[in-house]
């Protein structure tokens, strides 16, 4: 708790560096609800006006993004926060509600991935009961606090998920500010299709960044949001995109990389196309339920 407070104060008090190219704005979002905060995933509608946000304590909220004449976010209308359900009428139990990733399928259903008890659930209606997907034994070997963070569905309804880390060293990194092992193993990409999970390829590890969110853009590319934690200096964020092929992830592109302390703990990513045909990246910051941190919705456009 002391370490978290030190980090929070440093982030709040640090001067904001010049943002990378394509920066459109950062909107602070608040709500009068004890469950508000901790947002780890985000889905934005095709026109950029509607959204669903997911917290890492098993709650979700639906709402509307108000936009100014130039297309930047000017306000948020949302609520109430609601609990994700189990496969019955009750909310997910404590210890099984660490929801981290969310993906909207072409048929309108939602998938949600979890860390504590690593698994993926399907919701025909985000407010309805859950459907359990099979859980490979490999999922149980992921660290409890660094498991299935990134989740994405392609245009054919095929599901992809990526663990944040492969060993239990995340807590040590958070306390010491070490960015992780840049030379560690690549991250396995798991795919769910035709009722079964496979692990056909990997996400290449570069530097101390760890994957926390993913989404397929209207261009068919896989966009992956990654973060690196640098102690009291704060977080750096990065988005890379890839073309999916038979050989795995190809045509690697660095879309953006922020300086340390530029933004907060960006954990959710949604990729969509505006009326001018420009791809936009809408991201949400996890405030870790600390009042001295902010929940922000950050937007960039994809530049050449």
C-alpha atoms as a PDB file:
ATOM      1  CA  UNK A   1       0.000   0.000   0.000  1.00  0.00           C
ATOM      2  CA  UNK A   2       2.877   2.380   0.803  1.00  0.00           C
ATOM      3  CA  UNK A   3       4.520   1.592  -2.533  1.00  0.00           C
ATOM      4  CA  UNK A   4       1.244   2.194  -4.354  1.00  0.00           C
ATOM      5  CA  UNK A   5       0.784   5.559  -2.609  1.00  0.00           C
ATOM      6  CA  UNK A   6       4.314   6.667  -3.513  1.00  0.00           C
ATOM      7  CA  UNK A   7       3.758   5.718  -7.150  1.00  0.00           C
ATOM      8  CA  UNK A   8       0.375   7.447  -7.240  1.00  0.00           C
ATOM      9  CA  UNK A   9       1.747  10.684  -5.832  1.00  0.00           C
ATOM     10  CA  UNK A  10       4.607  10.652  -8.296  1.00  0.00           C
ATOM     11  CA  UNK A  11       2.284  10.098 -11.230  1.00  0.00           C
ATOM     12  CA  UNK A  12      -0.090  12.812 -10.115  1.00  0.00           C
ATOM     13  CA  UNK A  13       2.612  15.363  -9.509  1.00  0.00           C
ATOM     14  CA  UNK A  14       4.836  14.746 -12.515  1.00  0.00           C
ATOM     15  CA  UNK A  15       4.882  17.168 -15.425  1.00  0.00           C
ATOM     16  CA  UNK A  16       3.288  15.721 -18.538  1.00  0.00           C
ATOM     17  CA  UNK A  17       5.731  15.263 -21.439  1.00  0.00           C
ATOM     18  CA  UNK A  18       4.847  16.181 -25.005  1.00  0.00           C
ATOM     19  CA  UNK A  19       2.548  13.426 -26.323  1.00  0.00           C
ATOM     20  CA  UNK A  20       3.408  11.299 -29.368  1.00  0.00           C
ATOM     21  CA  UNK A  21       2.068  12.134 -32.826  1.00  0.00           C
ATOM     22  CA  UNK A  22      -1.628  11.497 -33.262  1.00  0.00           C
ATOM     23  CA  UNK A  23      -2.670  12.528 -29.746  1.00  0.00           C
ATOM     24  CA  UNK A  24      -6.266  13.801 -29.716  1.00  0.00           C
ATOM     25  CA  UNK A  25      -7.001  14.284 -26.022  1.00  0.00           C
ATOM     26  CA  UNK A  26      -7.445  12.810 -22.547  1.00  0.00           C
ATOM     27  CA  UNK A  27     -10.782  13.173 -20.757  1.00  0.00           C
ATOM     28  CA  UNK A  28     -11.085  12.696 -16.997  1.00  0.00           C
ATOM     29  CA  UNK A  29     -14.120  10.602 -16.061  1.00  0.00           C
ATOM     30  CA  UNK A  30     -15.774  10.382 -12.641  1.00  0.00           C
ATOM     31  CA  UNK A  31     -18.966   8.863 -11.236  1.00  0.00           C
ATOM     32  CA  UNK A  32     -20.599   8.905  -7.810  1.00  0.00           C
ATOM     33  CA  UNK A  33     -20.473   5.143  -7.284  1.00  0.00           C
ATOM     34  CA  UNK A  34     -18.335   3.155  -4.825  1.00  0.00           C
ATOM     35  CA  UNK A  35     -17.678   0.553  -7.529  1.00  0.00           C
ATOM     36  CA  UNK A  36     -16.350   3.107 -10.010  1.00  0.00           C
ATOM     37  CA  UNK A  37     -12.733   2.670 -11.077  1.00  0.00           C
ATOM     38  CA  UNK A  38     -10.258  -0.076 -11.820  1.00  0.00           C
ATOM     39  CA  UNK A  39     -11.186  -0.149 -15.513  1.00  0.00           C
ATOM     40  CA  UNK A  40      -9.185  -2.750 -17.394  1.00  0.00           C
ATOM     41  CA  UNK A  41     -11.068  -3.119 -20.696  1.00  0.00           C
ATOM     42  CA  UNK A  42     -13.039  -0.975 -23.130  1.00  0.00           C
ATOM     43  CA  UNK A  43     -15.226  -1.513 -26.205  1.00  0.00           C
ATOM     44  CA  UNK A  44     -16.282   1.487 -28.311  1.00  0.00           C
ATOM     45  CA  UNK A  45     -19.011   1.381 -30.970  1.00  0.00           C
ATOM     46  CA  UNK A  46     -18.203   1.728 -34.671  1.00  0.00           C
ATOM     47  CA  UNK A  47     -19.187   5.404 -34.675  1.00  0.00           C
ATOM     48  CA  UNK A  48     -17.298   6.215 -31.480  1.00  0.00           C
ATOM     49  CA  UNK A  49     -20.357   7.266 -29.464  1.00  0.00           C
ATOM     50  CA  UNK A  50     -21.270   4.238 -27.340  1.00  0.00           C
ATOM     51  CA  UNK A  51     -19.041   2.226 -25.040  1.00  0.00           C
ATOM     52  CA  UNK A  52     -18.840  -0.577 -22.494  1.00  0.00           C
ATOM     53  CA  UNK A  53     -16.120  -0.430 -19.820  1.00  0.00           C
ATOM     54  CA  UNK A  54     -15.094  -3.327 -17.588  1.00  0.00           C
ATOM     55  CA  UNK A  55     -13.470  -3.106 -14.163  1.00  0.00           C
ATOM     56  CA  UNK A  56     -11.088  -5.645 -12.676  1.00  0.00           C
ATOM     57  CA  UNK A  57     -13.543  -6.375  -9.876  1.00  0.00           C
ATOM     58  CA  UNK A  58     -16.250  -7.937 -11.993  1.00  0.00           C
ATOM     59  CA  UNK A  59     -18.312  -4.817 -12.766  1.00  0.00           C
ATOM     60  CA  UNK A  60     -19.221  -3.232 -16.086  1.00  0.00           C
ATOM     61  CA  UNK A  61     -20.838   0.009 -17.184  1.00  0.00           C
ATOM     62  CA  UNK A  62     -22.420   1.117 -20.450  1.00  0.00           C
ATOM     63  CA  UNK A  63     -22.611   4.688 -21.642  1.00  0.00           C
ATOM     64  CA  UNK A  64     -22.192   7.370 -24.276  1.00  0.00           C
ATOM     65  CA  UNK A  65     -19.189   9.446 -25.277  1.00  0.00           C
ATOM     66  CA  UNK A  66     -20.123  13.077 -25.916  1.00  0.00           C
ATOM     67  CA  UNK A  67     -17.978  14.676 -28.592  1.00  0.00           C
ATOM     68  CA  UNK A  68     -17.160  18.273 -29.526  1.00  0.00           C
ATOM     69  CA  UNK A  69     -17.329  19.581 -33.073  1.00  0.00           C
ATOM     70  CA  UNK A  70     -13.729  18.500 -33.693  1.00  0.00           C
ATOM     71  CA  UNK A  71     -14.508  14.934 -32.593  1.00  0.00           C
ATOM     72  CA  UNK A  72     -12.696  15.030 -29.258  1.00  0.00           C
ATOM     73  CA  UNK A  73     -14.400  13.708 -26.122  1.00  0.00           C
ATOM     74  CA  UNK A  74     -16.187  16.467 -24.216  1.00  0.00           C
ATOM     75  CA  UNK A  75     -18.163  14.409 -21.706  1.00  0.00           C
ATOM     76  CA  UNK A  76     -19.334  10.959 -20.630  1.00  0.00           C
ATOM     77  CA  UNK A  77     -22.868   9.819 -19.824  1.00  0.00           C
ATOM     78  CA  UNK A  78     -22.915   6.385 -18.198  1.00  0.00           C
ATOM     79  CA  UNK A  79     -24.338   4.177 -15.497  1.00  0.00           C
ATOM     80  CA  UNK A  80     -25.211   2.418 -13.421  1.00  0.00           C
ATOM     81  CA  UNK A  81     -22.353   0.022 -12.737  1.00  0.00           C
ATOM     82  CA  UNK A  82     -23.543  -3.585 -12.713  1.00  0.00           C
ATOM     83  CA  UNK A  83     -22.013  -6.892 -11.681  1.00  0.00           C
ATOM     84  CA  UNK A  84     -21.035  -9.562 -14.157  1.00  0.00           C
ATOM     85  CA  UNK A  85     -23.083 -12.683 -13.571  1.00  0.00           C
ATOM     86  CA  UNK A  86     -22.002 -16.275 -13.169  1.00  0.00           C
ATOM     87  CA  UNK A  87     -23.756 -18.971 -15.189  1.00  0.00           C
ATOM     88  CA  UNK A  88     -26.785 -18.459 -12.941  1.00  0.00           C
ATOM     89  CA  UNK A  89     -28.602 -15.493 -11.440  1.00  0.00           C
ATOM     90  CA  UNK A  90     -25.857 -14.503  -8.979  1.00  0.00           C
ATOM     91  CA  UNK A  91     -22.845 -12.240  -9.445  1.00  0.00           C
ATOM     92  CA  UNK A  92     -19.403 -13.744  -9.900  1.00  0.00           C
ATOM     93  CA  UNK A  93     -17.972 -14.872  -6.576  1.00  0.00           C
ATOM     94  CA  UNK A  94     -15.060 -13.118  -4.893  1.00  0.00           C
ATOM     95  CA  UNK A  95     -11.805 -14.671  -6.051  1.00  0.00           C
ATOM     96  CA  UNK A  96     -13.331 -15.450  -9.445  1.00  0.00           C
ATOM     97  CA  UNK A  97     -14.265 -11.916 -10.530  1.00  0.00           C
ATOM     98  CA  UNK A  98     -10.855 -10.485 -11.523  1.00  0.00           C
ATOM     99  CA  UNK A  99     -12.049  -9.522 -15.001  1.00  0.00           C
ATOM    100  CA  UNK A 100      -9.297  -8.071 -17.207  1.00  0.00           C
ATOM    101  CA  UNK A 101     -10.008  -8.441 -20.925  1.00  0.00           C
ATOM    102  CA  UNK A 102     -13.183  -7.928 -22.964  1.00  0.00           C
ATOM    103  CA  UNK A 103     -13.983  -8.469 -26.634  1.00  0.00           C
ATOM    104  CA  UNK A 104     -17.145  -7.817 -28.644  1.00  0.00           C
ATOM    105  CA  UNK A 105     -17.867 -10.551 -31.214  1.00  0.00           C
ATOM    106  CA  UNK A 106     -19.527  -9.979 -34.626  1.00  0.00           C
ATOM    107  CA  UNK A 107     -22.737 -11.602 -33.343  1.00  0.00           C
ATOM    108  CA  UNK A 108     -23.028  -9.046 -30.515  1.00  0.00           C
ATOM    109  CA  UNK A 109     -21.888 -11.351 -27.727  1.00  0.00           C
ATOM    110  CA  UNK A 110     -19.117 -10.451 -25.303  1.00  0.00           C
ATOM    111  CA  UNK A 111     -16.131 -12.460 -24.138  1.00  0.00           C
ATOM    112  CA  UNK A 112     -14.418 -11.678 -20.825  1.00  0.00           C
ATOM    113  CA  UNK A 113     -11.024 -12.985 -19.678  1.00  0.00           C
ATOM    114  CA  UNK A 114      -9.864 -13.297 -16.066  1.00  0.00           C
ATOM    115  CA  UNK A 115      -6.640 -13.323 -14.076  1.00  0.00           C
ATOM    116  CA  UNK A 116      -7.217 -14.913 -10.650  1.00  0.00           C
ATOM    117  CA  UNK A 117      -8.948 -18.014 -11.956  1.00  0.00           C
ATOM    118  CA  UNK A 118      -7.586 -17.825 -15.508  1.00  0.00           C
ATOM    119  CA  UNK A 119     -10.427 -18.526 -17.909  1.00  0.00           C
ATOM    120  CA  UNK A 120     -12.689 -16.935 -20.532  1.00  0.00           C
ATOM    121  CA  UNK A 121     -16.469 -16.557 -20.258  1.00  0.00           C
ATOM    122  CA  UNK A 122     -18.951 -15.789 -23.027  1.00  0.00           C
ATOM    123  CA  UNK A 123     -21.958 -13.502 -22.524  1.00  0.00           C
ATOM    124  CA  UNK A 124     -24.694 -13.538 -25.155  1.00  0.00           C
ATOM    125  CA  UNK A 125     -25.847 -10.410 -23.289  1.00  0.00           C
ATOM    126  CA  UNK A 126     -23.279  -8.597 -21.153  1.00  0.00           C
ATOM    127  CA  UNK A 127     -25.959  -8.206 -18.460  1.00  0.00           C
ATOM    128  CA  UNK A 128     -27.027 -11.864 -18.659  1.00  0.00           C
ATOM    129  CA  UNK A 129     -25.634 -15.198 -17.444  1.00  0.00           C
ATOM    130  CA  UNK A 130     -22.204 -16.460 -18.436  1.00  0.00           C
ATOM    131  CA  UNK A 131     -21.291 -19.439 -20.554  1.00  0.00           C
ATOM    132  CA  UNK A 132     -18.085 -21.267 -19.635  1.00  0.00           C
ATOM    133  CA  UNK A 133     -15.541 -21.860 -22.357  1.00  0.00           C
ATOM    134  CA  UNK A 134     -13.174 -24.829 -22.043  1.00  0.00           C
ATOM    135  CA  UNK A 135     -10.097 -24.105 -19.937  1.00  0.00           C
ATOM    136  CA  UNK A 136      -6.796 -25.627 -21.088  1.00  0.00           C
ATOM    137  CA  UNK A 137      -4.567 -26.919 -18.275  1.00  0.00           C
ATOM    138  CA  UNK A 138      -1.897 -24.431 -19.388  1.00  0.00           C
ATOM    139  CA  UNK A 139      -4.108 -21.542 -18.217  1.00  0.00           C
ATOM    140  CA  UNK A 140      -3.790 -22.757 -14.625  1.00  0.00           C
ATOM    141  CA  UNK A 141      -0.025 -22.294 -14.754  1.00  0.00           C
ATOM    142  CA  UNK A 142      -0.167 -18.554 -15.436  1.00  0.00           C
ATOM    143  CA  UNK A 143       0.551 -16.194 -12.501  1.00  0.00           C
ATOM    144  CA  UNK A 144      -2.658 -15.276 -10.670  1.00  0.00           C
ATOM    145  CA  UNK A 145      -2.020 -11.560 -11.085  1.00  0.00           C
ATOM    146  CA  UNK A 146      -0.619 -11.619 -14.627  1.00  0.00           C
ATOM    147  CA  UNK A 147      -2.767 -14.043 -16.582  1.00  0.00           C
ATOM    148  CA  UNK A 148      -5.267 -13.384 -19.397  1.00  0.00           C
ATOM    149  CA  UNK A 149      -5.169  -9.594 -19.773  1.00  0.00           C
ATOM    150  CA  UNK A 150      -5.453  -9.160 -23.560  1.00  0.00           C
ATOM    151  CA  UNK A 151      -8.503 -10.448 -25.437  1.00  0.00           C
ATOM    152  CA  UNK A 152      -9.657  -9.837 -29.019  1.00  0.00           C
ATOM    153  CA  UNK A 153     -12.102 -11.272 -31.571  1.00  0.00           C
ATOM    154  CA  UNK A 154     -11.541 -11.090 -35.319  1.00  0.00           C
ATOM    155  CA  UNK A 155     -14.157 -10.505 -38.025  1.00  0.00           C
ATOM    156  CA  UNK A 156     -14.818 -14.268 -38.292  1.00  0.00           C
ATOM    157  CA  UNK A 157     -15.541 -14.609 -34.574  1.00  0.00           C
ATOM    158  CA  UNK A 158     -12.235 -16.292 -33.730  1.00  0.00           C
ATOM    159  CA  UNK A 159     -11.028 -15.433 -30.226  1.00  0.00           C
ATOM    160  CA  UNK A 160      -7.435 -14.612 -29.219  1.00  0.00           C
ATOM    161  CA  UNK A 161      -5.999 -14.097 -25.729  1.00  0.00           C
ATOM    162  CA  UNK A 162      -2.524 -13.287 -24.409  1.00  0.00           C
ATOM    163  CA  UNK A 163      -1.230 -13.564 -20.814  1.00  0.00           C
ATOM    164  CA  UNK A 164       0.503 -10.532 -19.358  1.00  0.00           C
ATOM    165  CA  UNK A 165       3.419 -12.575 -18.077  1.00  0.00           C
ATOM    166  CA  UNK A 166       4.612 -16.170 -17.797  1.00  0.00           C
ATOM    167  CA  UNK A 167       6.189 -16.125 -14.326  1.00  0.00           C
ATOM    168  CA  UNK A 168       5.246 -14.834 -10.901  1.00  0.00           C
ATOM    169  CA  UNK A 169       7.601 -11.851 -10.927  1.00  0.00           C
ATOM    170  CA  UNK A 170       4.975  -9.145 -11.546  1.00  0.00           C
ATOM    171  CA  UNK A 171       4.624  -8.214  -7.859  1.00  0.00           C
ATOM    172  CA  UNK A 172       8.393  -7.754  -7.515  1.00  0.00           C
ATOM    173  CA  UNK A 173       8.443  -5.502 -10.584  1.00  0.00           C
ATOM    174  CA  UNK A 174       5.621  -3.355  -9.224  1.00  0.00           C
ATOM    175  CA  UNK A 175       7.397  -2.855  -5.907  1.00  0.00           C
ATOM    176  CA  UNK A 176      10.848  -2.197  -7.337  1.00  0.00           C
ATOM    177  CA  UNK A 177       9.952  -0.416 -10.560  1.00  0.00           C
ATOM    178  CA  UNK A 178      11.965  -2.882 -12.639  1.00  0.00           C
ATOM    179  CA  UNK A 179      10.556  -3.039 -16.177  1.00  0.00           C
ATOM    180  CA  UNK A 180      10.837  -6.824 -16.426  1.00  0.00           C
ATOM    181  CA  UNK A 181      13.184  -9.024 -18.391  1.00  0.00           C
ATOM    182  CA  UNK A 182      13.450  -7.611 -21.932  1.00  0.00           C
ATOM    183  CA  UNK A 183      15.105 -10.849 -23.031  1.00  0.00           C
ATOM    184  CA  UNK A 184      12.481 -13.174 -21.589  1.00  0.00           C
ATOM    185  CA  UNK A 185      10.364 -15.582 -23.608  1.00  0.00           C
ATOM    186  CA  UNK A 186       7.822 -14.339 -26.106  1.00  0.00           C
ATOM    187  CA  UNK A 187       4.175 -14.259 -25.049  1.00  0.00           C
ATOM    188  CA  UNK A 188       1.989 -17.183 -26.174  1.00  0.00           C
ATOM    189  CA  UNK A 189      -1.051 -16.237 -28.236  1.00  0.00           C
ATOM    190  CA  UNK A 190      -3.966 -18.596 -27.599  1.00  0.00           C
ATOM    191  CA  UNK A 191      -6.753 -19.021 -30.156  1.00  0.00           C
ATOM    192  CA  UNK A 192     -10.279 -20.363 -29.616  1.00  0.00           C
ATOM    193  CA  UNK A 193     -12.009 -21.678 -32.745  1.00  0.00           C
ATOM    194  CA  UNK A 194     -14.312 -24.609 -33.486  1.00  0.00           C
ATOM    195  CA  UNK A 195     -14.796 -25.253 -29.777  1.00  0.00           C
ATOM    196  CA  UNK A 196     -11.141 -25.740 -28.832  1.00  0.00           C
ATOM    197  CA  UNK A 197      -8.085 -23.774 -27.743  1.00  0.00           C
ATOM    198  CA  UNK A 198      -4.753 -23.905 -29.549  1.00  0.00           C
ATOM    199  CA  UNK A 199      -1.525 -21.914 -29.187  1.00  0.00           C
ATOM    200  CA  UNK A 200      -0.484 -21.359 -32.818  1.00  0.00           C
ATOM    201  CA  UNK A 201       2.014 -18.504 -32.450  1.00  0.00           C
ATOM    202  CA  UNK A 202       3.567 -15.929 -30.108  1.00  0.00           C
ATOM    203  CA  UNK A 203       3.672 -12.180 -29.534  1.00  0.00           C
ATOM    204  CA  UNK A 204       7.322 -11.068 -29.761  1.00  0.00           C
ATOM    205  CA  UNK A 205       8.668  -9.501 -26.574  1.00  0.00           C
ATOM    206  CA  UNK A 206      10.485  -6.208 -27.039  1.00  0.00           C
ATOM    207  CA  UNK A 207      11.894  -4.228 -24.145  1.00  0.00           C
ATOM    208  CA  UNK A 208      10.184  -4.220 -20.759  1.00  0.00           C
ATOM    209  CA  UNK A 209       6.639  -3.875 -22.129  1.00  0.00           C
ATOM    210  CA  UNK A 210       3.895  -6.338 -21.188  1.00  0.00           C
ATOM    211  CA  UNK A 211       0.611  -6.894 -23.091  1.00  0.00           C
ATOM    212  CA  UNK A 212      -2.519  -5.658 -21.300  1.00  0.00           C
ATOM    213  CA  UNK A 213      -5.158  -5.282 -24.049  1.00  0.00           C
ATOM    214  CA  UNK A 214      -5.807  -6.101 -27.703  1.00  0.00           C
ATOM    215  CA  UNK A 215      -8.327  -5.385 -30.434  1.00  0.00           C
ATOM    216  CA  UNK A 216      -8.795  -6.021 -34.128  1.00  0.00           C
ATOM    217  CA  UNK A 217      -9.141  -2.817 -36.105  1.00  0.00           C
ATOM    218  CA  UNK A 218     -11.455  -2.233 -39.073  1.00  0.00           C
ATOM    219  CA  UNK A 219      -8.330  -2.787 -41.209  1.00  0.00           C
ATOM    220  CA  UNK A 220      -8.114  -6.393 -39.976  1.00  0.00           C
ATOM    221  CA  UNK A 221      -4.864  -5.831 -38.079  1.00  0.00           C
ATOM    222  CA  UNK A 222      -4.337  -6.913 -34.483  1.00  0.00           C
ATOM    223  CA  UNK A 223      -3.524  -3.944 -32.221  1.00  0.00           C
ATOM    224  CA  UNK A 224      -1.847  -4.733 -28.886  1.00  0.00           C
ATOM    225  CA  UNK A 225      -1.629  -2.246 -26.006  1.00  0.00           C
ATOM    226  CA  UNK A 226       1.418  -2.782 -23.803  1.00  0.00           C
ATOM    227  CA  UNK A 227       2.742  -1.061 -20.694  1.00  0.00           C
ATOM    228  CA  UNK A 228       6.033  -0.758 -18.861  1.00  0.00           C
ATOM    229  CA  UNK A 229       6.234   0.301 -15.220  1.00  0.00           C
ATOM    230  CA  UNK A 230       9.201   2.424 -14.129  1.00  0.00           C
ATOM    231  CA  UNK A 231       8.656   2.877 -10.406  1.00  0.00           C
ATOM    232  CA  UNK A 232       7.876   6.376  -9.169  1.00  0.00           C
ATOM    233  CA  UNK A 233       8.421   7.741 -12.693  1.00  0.00           C
ATOM    234  CA  UNK A 234       5.180   6.044 -13.739  1.00  0.00           C
ATOM    235  CA  UNK A 235       4.009   4.087 -16.747  1.00  0.00           C
ATOM    236  CA  UNK A 236       5.002   4.117 -20.398  1.00  0.00           C
ATOM    237  CA  UNK A 237       2.488   2.817 -22.937  1.00  0.00           C
ATOM    238  CA  UNK A 238       2.966   1.339 -26.369  1.00  0.00           C
ATOM    239  CA  UNK A 239       0.699   0.111 -29.154  1.00  0.00           C
ATOM    240  CA  UNK A 240       1.965  -2.267 -31.812  1.00  0.00           C
ATOM    241  CA  UNK A 241      -0.057  -3.682 -34.700  1.00  0.00           C
ATOM    242  CA  UNK A 242       0.349  -6.902 -36.652  1.00  0.00           C
ATOM    243  CA  UNK A 243      -1.042  -8.627 -39.706  1.00  0.00           C
ATOM    244  CA  UNK A 244      -2.307 -12.125 -38.954  1.00  0.00           C
ATOM    245  CA  UNK A 245      -1.152 -14.820 -41.364  1.00  0.00           C
ATOM    246  CA  UNK A 246      -0.591 -18.544 -41.492  1.00  0.00           C
ATOM    247  CA  UNK A 247       2.886 -17.998 -40.082  1.00  0.00           C
ATOM    248  CA  UNK A 248       1.590 -15.933 -37.145  1.00  0.00           C
ATOM    249  CA  UNK A 249       2.042 -12.240 -36.451  1.00  0.00           C
ATOM    250  CA  UNK A 250       3.740 -10.406 -39.312  1.00  0.00           C
ATOM    251  CA  UNK A 251       4.283  -6.878 -40.636  1.00  0.00           C
ATOM    252  CA  UNK A 252       5.027  -5.556 -37.160  1.00  0.00           C
ATOM    253  CA  UNK A 253       4.397  -1.804 -36.783  1.00  0.00           C
ATOM    254  CA  UNK A 254       4.987   0.536 -33.858  1.00  0.00           C
ATOM    255  CA  UNK A 255       1.823   2.658 -33.812  1.00  0.00           C
ATOM    256  CA  UNK A 256       2.680   4.804 -30.795  1.00  0.00           C
ATOM    257  CA  UNK A 257       4.850   4.846 -27.706  1.00  0.00           C
ATOM    258  CA  UNK A 258       4.389   7.346 -24.888  1.00  0.00           C
ATOM    259  CA  UNK A 259       7.073   8.641 -22.604  1.00  0.00           C
ATOM    260  CA  UNK A 260       7.149   7.464 -19.003  1.00  0.00           C
ATOM    261  CA  UNK A 261       4.570   9.425 -17.018  1.00  0.00           C
ATOM    262  CA  UNK A 262       2.783  10.611 -20.162  1.00  0.00           C
ATOM    263  CA  UNK A 263      -0.433   8.835 -19.179  1.00  0.00           C
ATOM    264  CA  UNK A 264      -1.657   6.769 -16.287  1.00  0.00           C
ATOM    265  CA  UNK A 265      -2.043   3.001 -16.201  1.00  0.00           C
ATOM    266  CA  UNK A 266      -3.611   2.495 -19.640  1.00  0.00           C
ATOM    267  CA  UNK A 267      -5.169  -0.988 -19.669  1.00  0.00           C
ATOM    268  CA  UNK A 268      -8.089  -1.006 -22.127  1.00  0.00           C
ATOM    269  CA  UNK A 269      -7.986  -0.487 -25.903  1.00  0.00           C
ATOM    270  CA  UNK A 270     -10.654  -0.156 -28.601  1.00  0.00           C
ATOM    271  CA  UNK A 271      -9.887   0.510 -32.284  1.00  0.00           C
ATOM    272  CA  UNK A 272     -12.479   2.091 -34.565  1.00  0.00           C
ATOM    273  CA  UNK A 273     -12.787   4.304 -37.652  1.00  0.00           C
ATOM    274  CA  UNK A 274     -14.228   7.818 -37.611  1.00  0.00           C
ATOM    275  CA  UNK A 275     -16.373   9.471 -40.290  1.00  0.00           C
ATOM    276  CA  UNK A 276     -13.268  10.795 -42.058  1.00  0.00           C
ATOM    277  CA  UNK A 277     -11.912   7.264 -42.425  1.00  0.00           C
ATOM    278  CA  UNK A 278      -9.187   7.740 -39.792  1.00  0.00           C
ATOM    279  CA  UNK A 279      -8.433   4.884 -37.405  1.00  0.00           C
ATOM    280  CA  UNK A 280      -8.694   5.878 -33.758  1.00  0.00           C
ATOM    281  CA  UNK A 281      -7.307   4.240 -30.642  1.00  0.00           C
ATOM    282  CA  UNK A 282      -9.464   4.833 -27.564  1.00  0.00           C
ATOM    283  CA  UNK A 283      -7.848   3.717 -24.305  1.00  0.00           C
ATOM    284  CA  UNK A 284      -8.860   3.792 -20.651  1.00  0.00           C
ATOM    285  CA  UNK A 285      -6.636   4.160 -17.579  1.00  0.00           C
ATOM    286  CA  UNK A 286      -7.012   1.981 -14.486  1.00  0.00           C
ATOM    287  CA  UNK A 287      -6.936   4.143 -11.330  1.00  0.00           C
ATOM    288  CA  UNK A 288      -6.378   1.074  -9.116  1.00  0.00           C
ATOM    289  CA  UNK A 289      -9.249   2.383  -6.946  1.00  0.00           C
ATOM    290  CA  UNK A 290      -6.920   5.029  -5.512  1.00  0.00           C
ATOM    291  CA  UNK A 291      -8.521   8.481  -5.089  1.00  0.00           C
ATOM    292  CA  UNK A 292      -5.272  10.247  -5.958  1.00  0.00           C
ATOM    293  CA  UNK A 293      -5.193   8.606  -9.398  1.00  0.00           C
ATOM    294  CA  UNK A 294      -7.514   9.435 -12.292  1.00  0.00           C
ATOM    295  CA  UNK A 295      -9.724   7.426 -14.569  1.00  0.00           C
ATOM    296  CA  UNK A 296      -9.007   8.871 -17.999  1.00  0.00           C
ATOM    297  CA  UNK A 297     -10.135   8.059 -21.517  1.00  0.00           C
ATOM    298  CA  UNK A 298      -7.258   8.758 -23.893  1.00  0.00           C
ATOM    299  CA  UNK A 299      -7.527   8.945 -27.681  1.00  0.00           C
ATOM    300  CA  UNK A 300      -5.014   8.870 -30.530  1.00  0.00           C
ATOM    301  CA  UNK A 301      -5.414   8.698 -34.268  1.00  0.00           C
ATOM    302  CA  UNK A 302      -3.309   6.233 -36.216  1.00  0.00           C
ATOM    303  CA  UNK A 303      -0.808   8.274 -38.226  1.00  0.00           C
ATOM    304  CA  UNK A 304       1.224   7.204 -41.253  1.00  0.00           C
END
